[in-house]
């Protein structure tokens, strides 16, 4: 399809074309059932197979060890900001958070509604242009868990390696970089991710949680916001977002064909390197926002010499078929989100455009 836009949206974001085409083929009549998957009972055998296979694919592609539940829930990462402290915080403990940018800040704000929060490390003083070094982490003795945001989509920073928090449970929001590279799940007590960046459309949230953390919360928590509710019912306590789960299933199959997380990482690094080297070789025309050692391979953030020039870049890029390059309203500038499904040829086209724009406006 030649009329596909160069999609650099931050989320909802690009999906693999072959997944969209397959969904289109199966949309009206799913596997000769005479109806769409969206019209089926979530208690029926056909949907149940899709549901269970989705969980198995997450386990396989993430290398989830025994002793963990994989939950398919709703509400996005924003609901997890509340569910994590609701379920994991105990009366005599504090919740430790690493402040790395806009999304970490939202998680911290939510956790404060349920108990005491300690900031284990922060890069606020550096305008969140970097991820704190592992040596900066100061975890209180009475921490119930340490929470980090694996990738900050707005600032364009990403943890290159994760901290070892010893006996303290490590919790990660991986909404914007899940399955962009292999991760050792056994180092985490809980990982959560909204689907709409790397896993599918919005509507389903993946939670990977260690068995010992799935118990009765110490505070009063509504039924739908308890991990044990979803764990006991195989994520079928209420009607699941069945079509979003089916789409995630198809994206997970696609990741498998790309060589899994390791295969996808190789391509992601190639895409990111193309844009970062264009920025670094532009003689200051483009300025990367994130510190080089904290740069994200999912969201490339950069600035130009003036806001006028940035507006022109957005306008000219849109005219040339590029979508979503305007930076987040909170920080401005420019941003190219290059999630797993963004094809290499889109990135090559962007790099050509950036080179041409610098030549004509430099």
Protein backbone atom coordinates (compact mmCIF):
# COMPACT_ATOMS: atom_id res chain seq x y z
CA UNK A 1 0.00 0.00 0.00
CA UNK A 2 1.72 3.13 -1.20
CA UNK A 3 -0.70 5.61 0.37
CA UNK A 4 0.23 4.68 3.96
CA UNK A 5 1.34 7.72 5.98
CA UNK A 6 4.77 7.86 7.58
CA UNK A 7 3.33 7.38 11.07
CA UNK A 8 5.47 8.66 13.96
CA UNK A 9 2.59 9.08 16.42
CA UNK A 10 3.42 8.65 20.10
CA UNK A 11 0.40 6.44 20.86
CA UNK A 12 -1.96 5.20 19.64
CA UNK A 13 0.81 4.42 17.23
CA UNK A 14 1.76 2.52 14.08
CA UNK A 15 0.64 -1.10 13.81
CA UNK A 16 2.22 -3.65 11.44
CA UNK A 17 0.50 -3.43 8.05
CA UNK A 18 0.21 -7.21 7.76
CA UNK A 19 -1.58 -7.34 11.13
CA UNK A 20 -4.08 -4.70 10.01
CA UNK A 21 -4.69 -6.57 6.76
CA UNK A 22 -5.18 -9.88 8.54
CA UNK A 23 -7.62 -8.25 10.99
CA UNK A 24 -9.47 -6.76 8.02
CA UNK A 25 -9.82 -10.21 6.45
CA UNK A 26 -11.13 -11.71 9.70
CA UNK A 27 -13.21 -8.75 10.82
CA UNK A 28 -16.65 -9.74 9.56
CA UNK A 29 -16.39 -13.52 9.69
CA UNK A 30 -13.90 -14.80 12.26
CA UNK A 31 -12.57 -18.25 11.33
CA UNK A 32 -15.79 -19.21 9.46
CA UNK A 33 -17.91 -18.72 12.59
CA UNK A 34 -20.41 -16.54 10.76
CA UNK A 35 -19.72 -13.57 13.02
CA UNK A 36 -17.05 -11.13 14.12
CA UNK A 37 -14.93 -11.91 17.16
CA UNK A 38 -16.35 -8.70 18.65
CA UNK A 39 -19.84 -10.23 18.55
CA UNK A 40 -18.91 -13.42 20.36
CA UNK A 41 -19.36 -14.40 23.97
CA UNK A 42 -16.15 -14.00 25.96
CA UNK A 43 -17.12 -17.30 27.60
CA UNK A 44 -17.23 -19.16 24.28
CA UNK A 45 -14.56 -21.58 23.07
CA UNK A 46 -13.39 -19.49 20.10
CA UNK A 47 -12.71 -16.34 22.08
CA UNK A 48 -11.24 -18.32 24.99
CA UNK A 49 -8.64 -19.81 22.65
CA UNK A 50 -7.59 -16.33 21.43
CA UNK A 51 -7.50 -15.08 25.03
CA UNK A 52 -5.36 -17.95 26.35
CA UNK A 53 -3.04 -17.87 23.35
CA UNK A 54 -2.43 -14.14 23.92
CA UNK A 55 -1.34 -14.84 27.48
CA UNK A 56 0.92 -17.68 26.28
CA UNK A 57 2.53 -15.45 23.63
CA UNK A 58 3.33 -12.82 26.27
CA UNK A 59 4.92 -15.54 28.40
CA UNK A 60 6.93 -16.92 25.48
CA UNK A 61 8.13 -13.63 23.96
CA UNK A 62 8.90 -11.97 27.32
CA UNK A 63 10.45 -15.15 28.74
CA UNK A 64 8.16 -14.97 31.77
CA UNK A 65 9.42 -17.49 34.35
CA UNK A 66 7.21 -19.80 36.40
CA UNK A 67 5.60 -18.15 39.41
CA UNK A 68 4.17 -15.14 37.55
CA UNK A 69 0.65 -14.32 36.43
CA UNK A 70 -0.01 -12.60 33.09
CA UNK A 71 -3.16 -10.46 33.32
CA UNK A 72 -5.09 -8.74 30.52
CA UNK A 73 -6.88 -5.80 32.11
CA UNK A 74 -8.37 -2.43 31.16
CA UNK A 75 -7.76 1.19 32.11
CA UNK A 76 -4.31 1.71 30.62
CA UNK A 77 -1.13 2.50 32.55
CA UNK A 78 -2.97 5.39 34.21
CA UNK A 79 -5.14 2.90 36.14
CA UNK A 80 -2.01 0.92 37.07
CA UNK A 81 -0.61 4.10 38.65
CA UNK A 82 -3.32 3.58 41.30
CA UNK A 83 -3.53 -0.22 41.30
CA UNK A 84 0.17 -0.66 42.13
CA UNK A 85 0.08 1.24 45.46
CA UNK A 86 -3.46 -0.01 46.25
CA UNK A 87 -2.31 -3.63 45.98
CA UNK A 88 1.35 -3.49 47.06
CA UNK A 89 1.60 -0.77 49.71
CA UNK A 90 1.44 -1.89 53.34
CA UNK A 91 0.64 0.40 56.33
CA UNK A 92 4.19 0.47 57.74
CA UNK A 93 5.90 0.82 54.35
CA UNK A 94 6.64 3.58 51.86
CA UNK A 95 6.41 3.51 48.08
CA UNK A 96 9.73 4.43 46.46
CA UNK A 97 9.66 6.06 43.01
CA UNK A 98 12.30 7.16 40.53
CA UNK A 99 11.30 10.52 39.03
CA UNK A 100 12.40 10.54 35.38
CA UNK A 101 9.81 12.68 33.63
CA UNK A 102 6.16 13.27 32.83
CA UNK A 103 4.87 9.70 33.21
CA UNK A 104 6.85 8.93 36.36
CA UNK A 105 5.48 12.18 37.84
CA UNK A 106 1.90 11.06 37.14
CA UNK A 107 2.56 7.70 38.79
CA UNK A 108 4.03 9.47 41.85
CA UNK A 109 1.05 11.81 42.13
CA UNK A 110 -1.34 8.85 42.12
CA UNK A 111 0.68 6.85 44.67
CA UNK A 112 0.51 9.77 47.12
CA UNK A 113 -3.25 9.23 47.33
CA UNK A 114 -2.65 5.87 49.05
CA UNK A 115 0.32 6.35 51.34
CA UNK A 116 3.77 7.78 51.87
CA UNK A 117 5.99 8.19 48.81
CA UNK A 118 9.78 8.45 48.83
CA UNK A 119 11.71 9.69 45.80
CA UNK A 120 14.54 7.17 45.40
CA UNK A 121 16.23 9.26 42.68
CA UNK A 122 15.27 12.14 40.41
CA UNK A 123 16.55 13.90 37.29
CA UNK A 124 14.18 16.85 37.66
CA UNK A 125 17.09 19.22 38.28
CA UNK A 126 18.35 18.32 34.78
CA UNK A 127 14.94 18.96 33.16
CA UNK A 128 14.53 15.15 32.94
CA UNK A 129 17.08 14.97 30.15
CA UNK A 130 18.66 11.89 31.69
CA UNK A 131 17.94 8.69 33.58
CA UNK A 132 19.54 8.74 37.06
CA UNK A 133 22.61 6.52 37.35
CA UNK A 134 22.24 3.31 39.34
CA UNK A 135 24.53 4.72 42.04
CA UNK A 136 22.11 7.62 42.64
CA UNK A 137 19.34 5.30 43.80
CA UNK A 138 18.56 5.64 47.49
CA UNK A 139 15.92 3.10 48.49
CA UNK A 140 14.50 3.45 52.03
CA UNK A 141 14.75 0.37 54.27
CA UNK A 142 10.98 0.28 54.67
CA UNK A 143 10.17 0.48 50.94
CA UNK A 144 7.31 -1.78 49.82
CA UNK A 145 8.54 -1.49 46.24
CA UNK A 146 10.63 0.65 43.87
CA UNK A 147 8.77 1.96 40.82
CA UNK A 148 10.45 3.12 37.62
CA UNK A 149 9.25 4.25 34.20
CA UNK A 150 11.28 2.23 31.72
CA UNK A 151 10.91 4.75 28.88
CA UNK A 152 9.71 8.35 29.06
CA UNK A 153 7.88 9.03 25.79
CA UNK A 154 7.67 12.80 26.27
CA UNK A 155 11.31 13.49 27.15
CA UNK A 156 12.72 10.65 25.05
CA UNK A 157 14.79 8.94 27.75
CA UNK A 158 15.09 5.22 28.50
CA UNK A 159 16.76 3.02 31.10
CA UNK A 160 19.76 1.37 29.43
CA UNK A 161 20.00 -1.09 32.33
CA UNK A 162 17.70 -1.67 35.27
CA UNK A 163 18.73 -1.39 38.92
CA UNK A 164 19.10 -4.38 41.21
CA UNK A 165 16.86 -3.56 44.16
CA UNK A 166 17.70 -6.70 46.13
CA UNK A 167 14.84 -7.87 48.35
CA UNK A 168 12.71 -4.84 47.50
CA UNK A 169 10.17 -5.50 44.74
CA UNK A 170 10.97 -3.70 41.47
CA UNK A 171 7.95 -2.41 39.54
CA UNK A 172 8.19 -1.06 35.99
CA UNK A 173 5.88 0.85 33.70
CA UNK A 174 6.96 -0.50 30.30
CA UNK A 175 4.04 0.96 28.34
CA UNK A 176 6.20 2.55 25.68
CA UNK A 177 9.05 0.06 25.36
CA UNK A 178 7.68 -3.40 26.17
CA UNK A 179 9.13 -5.98 23.77
CA UNK A 180 11.43 -3.43 22.11
CA UNK A 181 14.34 -5.52 23.48
CA UNK A 182 14.78 -8.61 25.66
CA UNK A 183 14.17 -8.04 29.39
CA UNK A 184 14.92 -10.32 32.35
CA UNK A 185 11.44 -10.51 33.88
CA UNK A 186 12.74 -12.33 36.98
CA UNK A 187 14.32 -9.05 38.15
CA UNK A 188 10.85 -7.48 38.47
CA UNK A 189 7.97 -8.15 40.80
CA UNK A 190 5.52 -6.41 38.50
CA UNK A 191 5.61 -5.07 34.94
CA UNK A 192 2.69 -3.27 33.32
CA UNK A 193 2.13 -1.81 29.88
CA UNK A 194 -0.71 -0.16 28.02
CA UNK A 195 -0.90 -1.78 24.59
CA UNK A 196 -1.20 1.26 22.34
CA UNK A 197 2.49 1.76 21.57
CA UNK A 198 4.11 -1.63 20.97
CA UNK A 199 1.41 -4.25 21.49
CA UNK A 200 -1.75 -3.23 19.66
CA UNK A 201 -4.58 -0.70 19.84
CA UNK A 202 -5.63 1.03 23.05
CA UNK A 203 -8.04 -0.87 25.29
CA UNK A 204 -6.00 -3.65 26.85
CA UNK A 205 -3.22 -3.41 29.44
CA UNK A 206 -0.74 -6.23 30.08
CA UNK A 207 0.27 -6.89 33.70
CA UNK A 208 2.98 -9.43 34.57
CA UNK A 209 2.96 -9.95 38.33
CA UNK A 210 4.83 -12.33 40.63
CA UNK A 211 2.57 -14.78 42.47
CA UNK A 212 3.54 -13.61 45.96
CA UNK A 213 2.32 -10.09 45.14
CA UNK A 214 -1.15 -11.33 44.17
CA UNK A 215 -2.88 -11.41 47.53
CA UNK A 216 -5.43 -9.53 49.56
CA UNK A 217 -4.45 -5.83 49.62
CA UNK A 218 -3.91 -4.29 53.07
CA UNK A 219 -6.35 -1.46 52.29
CA UNK A 220 -9.93 -1.54 51.04
CA UNK A 221 -9.72 -1.86 47.26
CA UNK A 222 -12.68 -2.11 44.84
CA UNK A 223 -13.06 -5.57 43.29
CA UNK A 224 -12.04 -4.49 39.76
CA UNK A 225 -8.85 -2.84 41.03
CA UNK A 226 -7.47 -5.91 42.81
CA UNK A 227 -4.88 -8.08 41.07
CA UNK A 228 -6.26 -11.19 42.76
CA UNK A 229 -9.66 -10.62 41.12
CA UNK A 230 -8.14 -10.87 37.65
CA UNK A 231 -5.65 -13.60 38.58
CA UNK A 232 -8.36 -15.89 39.99
CA UNK A 233 -10.61 -15.45 36.94
CA UNK A 234 -7.94 -15.74 34.23
CA UNK A 235 -8.61 -12.07 33.31
CA UNK A 236 -12.24 -12.98 32.59
CA UNK A 237 -13.90 -11.57 35.72
CA UNK A 238 -15.87 -9.18 33.52
CA UNK A 239 -16.16 -8.77 29.76
CA UNK A 240 -12.62 -8.23 28.46
CA UNK A 241 -11.78 -5.84 25.59
CA UNK A 242 -11.93 -8.80 23.24
CA UNK A 243 -11.03 -7.07 19.98
CA UNK A 244 -8.06 -5.23 21.53
CA UNK A 245 -6.85 -8.57 22.93
CA UNK A 246 -7.22 -10.20 19.50
CA UNK A 247 -5.19 -7.37 17.93
CA UNK A 248 -2.49 -7.73 20.62
CA UNK A 249 -2.48 -11.46 19.82
CA UNK A 250 -1.80 -10.69 16.16
CA UNK A 251 0.95 -8.17 17.01
CA UNK A 252 2.61 -10.74 19.29
CA UNK A 253 2.55 -13.28 16.45
CA UNK A 254 4.17 -10.61 14.26
CA UNK A 255 6.91 -9.97 16.85
CA UNK A 256 7.60 -13.71 16.79
CA UNK A 257 8.11 -13.60 13.00
CA UNK A 258 10.60 -10.75 13.48
CA UNK A 259 12.80 -12.99 15.63
CA UNK A 260 11.20 -12.11 18.95
CA UNK A 261 12.42 -9.33 21.23
CA UNK A 262 16.06 -9.80 20.15
CA UNK A 263 15.19 -9.52 16.45
CA UNK A 264 13.04 -6.47 17.03
CA UNK A 265 15.77 -4.82 19.12
CA UNK A 266 18.25 -5.07 16.26
CA UNK A 267 15.87 -3.24 13.93
CA UNK A 268 14.94 -0.69 16.61
CA UNK A 269 18.58 0.19 17.22
CA UNK A 270 19.18 0.58 13.50
CA UNK A 271 16.20 2.95 13.21
CA UNK A 272 17.22 4.98 16.28
CA UNK A 273 20.86 5.23 15.17
CA UNK A 274 19.81 6.61 11.78
CA UNK A 275 17.94 9.52 13.37
CA UNK A 276 20.41 10.19 16.18
CA UNK A 277 23.35 10.26 13.77
CA UNK A 278 21.43 12.71 11.56
CA UNK A 279 20.89 14.94 14.60
CA UNK A 280 24.52 14.67 15.76
CA UNK A 281 25.93 15.30 12.28
CA UNK A 282 23.78 18.38 11.64
CA UNK A 283 26.33 20.82 13.04
CA UNK A 284 23.91 22.03 15.70
CA UNK A 285 20.95 22.57 13.36
CA UNK A 286 19.18 19.76 15.21
CA UNK A 287 19.79 19.41 18.96
CA UNK A 288 18.93 16.17 20.74
CA UNK A 289 16.91 16.75 23.93
CA UNK A 290 17.98 13.70 25.96
CA UNK A 291 21.55 13.16 27.16
CA UNK A 292 23.28 10.70 24.78
CA UNK A 293 23.63 7.97 27.43
CA UNK A 294 19.91 8.17 28.27
CA UNK A 295 18.53 8.30 24.73
CA UNK A 296 15.45 6.26 24.00
CA UNK A 297 15.30 3.83 21.07
CA UNK A 298 11.52 4.36 21.00
CA UNK A 299 11.05 8.15 21.15
CA UNK A 300 13.63 10.47 19.58
CA UNK A 301 13.21 14.02 20.92
CA UNK A 302 14.98 17.01 19.41
CA UNK A 303 14.84 20.78 19.04
CA UNK A 304 15.62 23.36 16.38
CA UNK A 305 17.04 26.88 16.75
CA UNK A 306 13.66 28.57 17.22
CA UNK A 307 9.99 27.78 17.75
CA UNK A 308 9.24 29.35 14.36
CA UNK A 309 11.59 26.88 12.70
CA UNK A 310 10.03 23.99 14.63
CA UNK A 311 6.55 25.03 13.45
CA UNK A 312 7.84 25.15 9.88
CA UNK A 313 9.37 21.69 10.30
CA UNK A 314 6.02 20.29 11.48
CA UNK A 315 4.11 22.01 8.66
CA UNK A 316 6.55 20.95 5.94
CA UNK A 317 6.79 17.40 7.27
CA UNK A 318 3.00 17.04 7.30
CA UNK A 319 2.85 18.25 3.71
CA UNK A 320 5.41 15.56 2.85
CA UNK A 321 3.28 12.79 4.42
CA UNK A 322 4.83 12.58 7.90
CA UNK A 323 2.44 12.32 10.86
CA UNK A 324 3.03 12.96 14.55
CA UNK A 325 6.41 14.74 14.62
CA UNK A 326 5.30 17.61 16.85
CA UNK A 327 6.66 17.27 20.39
CA UNK A 328 4.35 16.84 23.37
CA UNK A 329 2.61 20.07 24.40
CA UNK A 330 4.32 19.91 27.84
CA UNK A 331 7.86 20.14 26.47
CA UNK A 332 7.49 21.35 22.87
CA UNK A 333 10.13 20.65 20.26
CA UNK A 334 9.94 17.65 17.95
CA UNK A 335 9.61 13.94 18.50
CA UNK A 336 9.75 10.87 16.28
CA UNK A 337 8.20 7.83 17.94
CA UNK A 338 9.73 4.76 16.29
CA UNK A 339 8.01 1.87 18.01
CA UNK A 340 8.42 -1.74 16.87
CA UNK A 341 5.90 -1.47 14.01
CA UNK A 342 7.37 1.70 12.45
CA UNK A 343 9.06 0.39 9.29
CA UNK A 344 12.70 1.10 8.51
CA UNK A 345 11.72 2.77 5.22
CA UNK A 346 9.64 5.35 7.16
CA UNK A 347 12.72 6.21 9.22
CA UNK A 348 14.91 6.43 6.10
CA UNK A 349 12.34 8.78 4.54
CA UNK A 350 12.38 10.92 7.70
CA UNK A 351 16.18 11.11 7.72
CA UNK A 352 16.13 12.22 4.06
CA UNK A 353 13.53 14.85 4.90
CA UNK A 354 15.57 16.10 7.88
CA UNK A 355 18.68 16.40 5.71
CA UNK A 356 16.80 18.34 3.05
CA UNK A 357 15.11 20.59 5.63
CA UNK A 358 18.47 21.42 7.20
CA UNK A 359 19.94 22.26 3.79
CA UNK A 360 17.10 24.60 2.80
CA UNK A 361 16.63 26.23 6.23
CA UNK A 362 20.16 26.14 7.66
